[in-house]
């Protein structure tokens, strides 16, 4: 069985999509449609930067999605495959869940771009800059990370945001609590804690205003039926019901990204091949969570041609 997976924030880089756009009309169409939907020249920022503009949450989120969907469209239109025929499941890390849903037909490309732009803006606006922070814990399992978060909170928000793989967990919350957590890592048998260069504390209760904004957005733009089941971030379980998906996407804004559990659950369900479209971030996490699975990252035209032979 095969799952197509889609990366989250942090996988963006200046120059993304340039080679695809030069080689394929299908890719150019994706970037053009996203630019039109957003009323901005996002592809120019993706291609040329500056990096600080691309890294802005409201730009990075739709850019990462557009890049991954461009890879998928080249596979579909130039390669003649349909994701519904080649994938048993789809999944994405945080914003990548929106990309996965676009790939599975739950949202149009234009709607996905607009939803992610709004999500980025709402997440940024939810917490004033400097109030929140995030930290990656290296050499931490979920039990140690949870204990550390509870000890560091001291009345502030400090919670597990991403359970990425058996040795990497991300905390999110008030800046003071996150700094206390980093200072305490050795006491909990964790190798190290690293402050992440993010502009807001994602996937924690401080994001509630952004969750409310997304709930209103899904009321106006509800998901359609899926052609492939999605493994949801907040449940680590498959879902196909559009109403349930809208609710899960709202919960995802403040909730934990259960990526390690999702990968393991897909492995248990029989998935032995994972294809990451548009990045090389999720592959190593999946390999650590599902050691026997084959993992392929697809970014370039050469990657696409190699995958087409495999499919």
Protein backbone atom coordinates (compact mmCIF):
# COMPACT_ATOMS: atom_id res chain seq x y z
CA UNK A 1 0.00 0.00 0.00
CA UNK A 2 1.09 3.55 -0.70
CA UNK A 3 0.55 6.91 1.02
CA UNK A 4 1.25 10.33 -0.47
CA UNK A 5 2.40 12.81 2.19
CA UNK A 6 2.90 16.57 2.13
CA UNK A 7 5.37 18.71 4.12
CA UNK A 8 4.69 21.58 6.51
CA UNK A 9 6.26 24.91 7.35
CA UNK A 10 10.04 25.04 7.29
CA UNK A 11 10.33 23.24 3.95
CA UNK A 12 10.21 26.51 1.97
CA UNK A 13 13.31 27.91 0.28
CA UNK A 14 14.02 30.59 -2.29
CA UNK A 15 14.09 29.04 -5.75
CA UNK A 16 11.36 26.50 -5.01
CA UNK A 17 9.35 25.53 -8.07
CA UNK A 18 11.58 27.31 -10.59
CA UNK A 19 12.79 24.13 -12.31
CA UNK A 20 9.27 22.69 -12.43
CA UNK A 21 7.85 25.90 -13.91
CA UNK A 22 10.54 25.96 -16.59
CA UNK A 23 9.89 22.34 -17.56
CA UNK A 24 6.13 21.91 -17.29
CA UNK A 25 3.05 23.88 -18.30
CA UNK A 26 1.09 21.95 -15.66
CA UNK A 27 3.35 23.41 -12.94
CA UNK A 28 3.15 26.92 -14.41
CA UNK A 29 -0.64 26.67 -14.36
CA UNK A 30 -0.59 25.83 -10.64
CA UNK A 31 1.61 28.79 -9.74
CA UNK A 32 -0.47 31.11 -11.95
CA UNK A 33 -3.75 29.94 -10.40
CA UNK A 34 -2.42 30.46 -6.86
CA UNK A 35 -1.16 33.95 -7.73
CA UNK A 36 -4.57 34.82 -9.17
CA UNK A 37 -6.46 33.41 -6.17
CA UNK A 38 -4.33 35.42 -3.72
CA UNK A 39 -4.08 38.59 -5.79
CA UNK A 40 -0.31 38.66 -5.33
CA UNK A 41 2.77 37.48 -7.19
CA UNK A 42 3.61 34.69 -4.75
CA UNK A 43 5.58 32.72 -7.32
CA UNK A 44 7.99 35.63 -7.74
CA UNK A 45 8.66 35.51 -3.98
CA UNK A 46 9.10 31.72 -4.19
CA UNK A 47 11.50 32.05 -7.13
CA UNK A 48 13.48 35.14 -6.18
CA UNK A 49 12.84 35.87 -2.50
CA UNK A 50 13.75 37.78 -0.45
CA UNK A 51 13.94 34.95 2.06
CA UNK A 52 12.41 36.93 4.93
CA UNK A 53 9.34 37.63 2.77
CA UNK A 54 8.99 33.96 1.79
CA UNK A 55 9.37 32.90 5.44
CA UNK A 56 6.41 35.06 6.55
CA UNK A 57 3.78 32.56 7.67
CA UNK A 58 1.09 33.99 5.36
CA UNK A 59 3.42 33.48 2.35
CA UNK A 60 5.20 30.29 3.39
CA UNK A 61 1.98 28.31 3.91
CA UNK A 62 0.44 28.82 0.43
CA UNK A 63 3.91 28.62 -1.19
CA UNK A 64 4.68 25.20 0.26
CA UNK A 65 1.23 23.98 -0.77
CA UNK A 66 1.58 25.37 -4.32
CA UNK A 67 4.97 23.72 -4.75
CA UNK A 68 3.71 20.30 -3.67
CA UNK A 69 0.55 20.54 -5.80
CA UNK A 70 2.69 21.57 -8.79
CA UNK A 71 4.69 18.34 -8.35
CA UNK A 72 1.43 16.39 -8.16
CA UNK A 73 -0.05 18.09 -11.25
CA UNK A 74 3.08 17.27 -13.26
CA UNK A 75 2.69 13.64 -12.19
CA UNK A 76 -1.00 13.68 -13.08
CA UNK A 77 -1.06 15.73 -16.30
CA UNK A 78 2.36 14.96 -17.78
CA UNK A 79 2.68 11.49 -16.28
CA UNK A 80 -0.91 10.42 -16.86
CA UNK A 81 -1.59 9.09 -13.36
CA UNK A 82 -4.44 9.81 -10.94
CA UNK A 83 -3.71 10.08 -7.22
CA UNK A 84 -6.93 8.19 -6.44
CA UNK A 85 -5.50 5.19 -8.35
CA UNK A 86 -1.99 5.35 -6.91
CA UNK A 87 -2.56 6.34 -3.24
CA UNK A 88 -4.35 4.37 -0.54
CA UNK A 89 -4.08 7.30 1.88
CA UNK A 90 -2.93 10.92 1.99
CA UNK A 91 -1.55 12.86 4.97
CA UNK A 92 0.21 16.14 5.59
CA UNK A 93 2.13 17.77 8.42
CA UNK A 94 0.20 20.79 9.79
CA UNK A 95 -0.37 23.05 6.74
CA UNK A 96 0.49 19.96 4.64
CA UNK A 97 -2.89 18.57 5.69
CA UNK A 98 -4.50 21.25 3.52
CA UNK A 99 -2.24 20.22 0.61
CA UNK A 100 -3.27 16.59 1.14
CA UNK A 101 -6.94 17.60 1.08
CA UNK A 102 -6.42 19.63 -2.11
CA UNK A 103 -4.71 16.58 -3.66
CA UNK A 104 -7.67 14.40 -2.66
CA UNK A 105 -10.20 16.85 -4.11
CA UNK A 106 -11.69 18.20 -0.86
CA UNK A 107 -10.75 21.79 -1.76
CA UNK A 108 -10.00 23.45 -5.09
CA UNK A 109 -6.49 24.81 -5.57
CA UNK A 110 -7.72 28.42 -5.39
CA UNK A 111 -9.69 27.77 -2.19
CA UNK A 112 -6.74 25.94 -0.61
CA UNK A 113 -4.46 28.90 -1.35
CA UNK A 114 -6.97 31.37 0.14
CA UNK A 115 -7.57 29.21 3.22
CA UNK A 116 -3.83 28.92 3.88
CA UNK A 117 -3.27 32.65 3.39
CA UNK A 118 -6.01 33.31 5.95
CA UNK A 119 -4.64 30.63 8.27
CA UNK A 120 -1.17 32.18 8.15
CA UNK A 121 -2.52 35.67 8.81
CA UNK A 122 -4.80 34.45 11.63
CA UNK A 123 -2.01 32.47 13.31
CA UNK A 124 0.31 35.46 13.14
CA UNK A 125 -2.36 37.79 14.54
CA UNK A 126 -3.41 35.43 17.36
CA UNK A 127 -0.39 36.15 19.56
CA UNK A 128 1.70 39.37 19.65
CA UNK A 129 5.28 38.89 18.41
CA UNK A 130 7.59 38.00 21.30
CA UNK A 131 4.86 36.57 23.56
CA UNK A 132 5.07 32.98 22.31
CA UNK A 133 7.81 30.59 21.23
CA UNK A 134 8.47 27.02 20.08
CA UNK A 135 11.33 24.63 20.80
CA UNK A 136 12.44 21.35 19.26
CA UNK A 137 13.43 18.69 21.77
CA UNK A 138 16.05 16.34 20.33
CA UNK A 139 16.43 12.89 21.85
CA UNK A 140 12.99 13.19 23.48
CA UNK A 141 10.09 10.78 23.33
CA UNK A 142 6.52 11.90 23.97
CA UNK A 143 6.52 10.81 27.63
CA UNK A 144 9.66 12.79 28.53
CA UNK A 145 8.48 15.80 26.51
CA UNK A 146 5.09 15.82 28.24
CA UNK A 147 6.71 15.68 31.71
CA UNK A 148 9.08 18.50 30.78
CA UNK A 149 6.22 20.66 29.43
CA UNK A 150 4.24 20.21 32.65
CA UNK A 151 7.25 21.12 34.79
CA UNK A 152 8.13 24.20 32.74
CA UNK A 153 4.59 25.63 32.44
CA UNK A 154 4.36 27.23 35.92
CA UNK A 155 0.94 28.69 35.17
CA UNK A 156 1.75 29.55 31.55
CA UNK A 157 0.99 27.59 28.37
CA UNK A 158 3.63 24.96 27.56
CA UNK A 159 2.45 21.97 25.58
CA UNK A 160 3.46 19.39 22.98
CA UNK A 161 2.76 20.87 19.53
CA UNK A 162 4.32 18.25 17.23
CA UNK A 163 5.10 14.62 18.00
CA UNK A 164 7.28 14.17 14.93
CA UNK A 165 9.11 10.88 15.44
CA UNK A 166 10.44 8.70 18.30
CA UNK A 167 13.30 11.14 18.99
CA UNK A 168 11.91 14.57 18.10
CA UNK A 169 9.09 16.46 19.83
CA UNK A 170 8.26 20.16 19.52
CA UNK A 171 6.90 22.29 22.39
CA UNK A 172 4.83 25.45 21.97
CA UNK A 173 3.52 28.12 24.35
CA UNK A 174 4.47 31.26 26.24
CA UNK A 175 8.06 32.34 25.61
CA UNK A 176 9.03 32.23 29.28
CA UNK A 177 7.72 28.67 29.67
CA UNK A 178 9.49 27.50 26.51
CA UNK A 179 12.77 29.05 27.73
CA UNK A 180 12.33 27.28 31.08
CA UNK A 181 11.77 24.00 29.23
CA UNK A 182 14.99 24.41 27.27
CA UNK A 183 16.89 25.10 30.50
CA UNK A 184 15.44 21.93 32.08
CA UNK A 185 16.04 19.40 29.26
CA UNK A 186 18.95 17.56 30.90
CA UNK A 187 16.92 17.00 34.08
CA UNK A 188 14.44 14.98 32.01
CA UNK A 189 17.01 12.90 30.13
CA UNK A 190 16.56 14.86 26.89
CA UNK A 191 19.64 15.52 24.75
CA UNK A 192 18.93 19.15 23.90
CA UNK A 193 16.29 21.81 23.31
CA UNK A 194 16.54 24.28 20.44
CA UNK A 195 14.48 27.46 20.12
CA UNK A 196 12.82 27.46 16.68
CA UNK A 197 12.92 30.52 14.37
CA UNK A 198 9.13 30.88 14.18
CA UNK A 199 7.01 33.99 14.47
CA UNK A 200 4.19 32.49 16.58
CA UNK A 201 3.52 29.55 18.95
CA UNK A 202 1.67 27.18 16.63
CA UNK A 203 -0.47 24.21 17.73
CA UNK A 204 -1.15 25.33 21.29
CA UNK A 205 -4.14 26.92 23.11
CA UNK A 206 -2.77 30.43 22.44
CA UNK A 207 -3.89 29.90 18.81
CA UNK A 208 -7.61 29.84 19.71
CA UNK A 209 -8.39 33.12 17.85
CA UNK A 210 -6.94 31.54 14.68
CA UNK A 211 -9.04 28.40 15.24
CA UNK A 212 -12.15 30.60 15.45
CA UNK A 213 -11.16 32.33 12.20
CA UNK A 214 -10.77 28.98 10.45
CA UNK A 215 -14.12 27.74 11.74
CA UNK A 216 -15.77 30.75 10.08
CA UNK A 217 -13.78 30.11 6.89
CA UNK A 218 -14.92 26.48 6.64
CA UNK A 219 -18.53 27.53 7.16
CA UNK A 220 -18.12 29.61 3.98
CA UNK A 221 -15.88 27.09 2.16
CA UNK A 222 -16.76 23.57 3.35
CA UNK A 223 -14.72 20.56 2.20
CA UNK A 224 -16.08 18.37 -0.60
CA UNK A 225 -15.92 14.57 -0.82
CA UNK A 226 -12.43 13.01 -0.84
CA UNK A 227 -11.13 10.64 -3.51
CA UNK A 228 -8.57 9.23 -1.02
CA UNK A 229 -8.88 8.86 2.79
CA UNK A 230 -6.89 11.31 4.91
CA UNK A 231 -4.94 10.40 8.06
CA UNK A 232 -5.76 13.41 10.24
CA UNK A 233 -3.13 15.21 12.36
CA UNK A 234 -5.20 15.46 15.52
CA UNK A 235 -6.54 11.87 15.57
CA UNK A 236 -3.81 9.90 13.74
CA UNK A 237 -6.72 8.01 12.15
CA UNK A 238 -8.30 7.87 8.68
CA UNK A 239 -11.23 10.14 7.85
CA UNK A 240 -13.34 10.73 4.74
CA UNK A 241 -16.41 12.59 6.05
CA UNK A 242 -16.19 16.25 4.92
CA UNK A 243 -18.01 17.57 8.02
CA UNK A 244 -15.59 15.73 10.30
CA UNK A 245 -12.64 17.05 8.29
CA UNK A 246 -13.71 20.68 8.75
CA UNK A 247 -13.94 20.15 12.52
CA UNK A 248 -10.55 18.39 12.63
CA UNK A 249 -8.91 21.25 10.72
CA UNK A 250 -10.26 23.71 13.30
CA UNK A 251 -8.97 21.52 16.16
CA UNK A 252 -5.60 21.21 14.40
CA UNK A 253 -4.87 24.94 14.85
CA UNK A 254 -4.63 24.56 18.65
CA UNK A 255 -4.05 20.79 18.77
CA UNK A 256 -1.11 18.44 18.56
CA UNK A 257 0.24 17.24 15.21
CA UNK A 258 0.41 13.49 15.90
CA UNK A 259 2.79 12.74 13.04
CA UNK A 260 4.70 9.85 14.63
CA UNK A 261 1.43 8.12 15.48
CA UNK A 262 0.00 8.84 12.02
CA UNK A 263 3.00 7.30 10.27
CA UNK A 264 2.94 4.28 12.58
CA UNK A 265 -0.82 3.85 12.11
CA UNK A 266 -0.46 3.95 8.33
CA UNK A 267 2.30 1.36 8.63
CA UNK A 268 0.05 -0.85 10.76
CA UNK A 269 -2.73 -0.41 8.18
CA UNK A 270 -0.40 -1.89 5.56
CA UNK A 271 1.32 1.15 4.03
CA UNK A 272 4.85 0.13 3.08
CA UNK A 273 5.63 2.96 0.63
CA UNK A 274 5.48 6.66 1.46
CA UNK A 275 5.87 9.31 -1.25
CA UNK A 276 6.63 12.86 -0.03
CA UNK A 277 5.71 15.44 -2.64
CA UNK A 278 7.43 18.82 -2.57
CA UNK A 279 9.91 18.28 0.26
CA UNK A 280 12.46 16.11 2.04
CA UNK A 281 11.35 16.85 5.59
CA UNK A 282 8.87 14.08 6.39
CA UNK A 283 10.85 11.18 4.92
CA UNK A 284 13.44 10.95 7.72
CA UNK A 285 10.69 11.23 10.38
CA UNK A 286 8.71 8.43 8.73
CA UNK A 287 11.81 6.23 8.45
CA UNK A 288 12.38 6.60 12.20
CA UNK A 289 8.72 5.83 12.95
CA UNK A 290 8.17 3.04 10.38
CA UNK A 291 11.66 1.55 9.88
CA UNK A 292 10.63 -1.06 7.30
CA UNK A 293 8.80 1.34 4.97
CA UNK A 294 10.19 2.64 1.70
CA UNK A 295 10.27 6.44 1.52
CA UNK A 296 10.65 8.54 -1.65
CA UNK A 297 10.97 12.34 -1.79
CA UNK A 298 9.84 13.97 -5.03
CA UNK A 299 10.86 17.57 -5.80
CA UNK A 300 12.62 17.78 -9.18
CA UNK A 301 11.63 16.69 -12.68
CA UNK A 302 14.18 13.86 -12.36
CA UNK A 303 12.47 12.74 -9.13
CA UNK A 304 9.11 12.80 -10.93
CA UNK A 305 10.42 10.71 -13.83
CA UNK A 306 11.90 8.17 -11.41
CA UNK A 307 8.63 7.94 -9.47
CA UNK A 308 6.59 7.47 -12.66
CA UNK A 309 8.69 4.40 -13.50
CA UNK A 310 8.05 3.05 -10.00
CA UNK A 311 4.29 3.70 -10.16
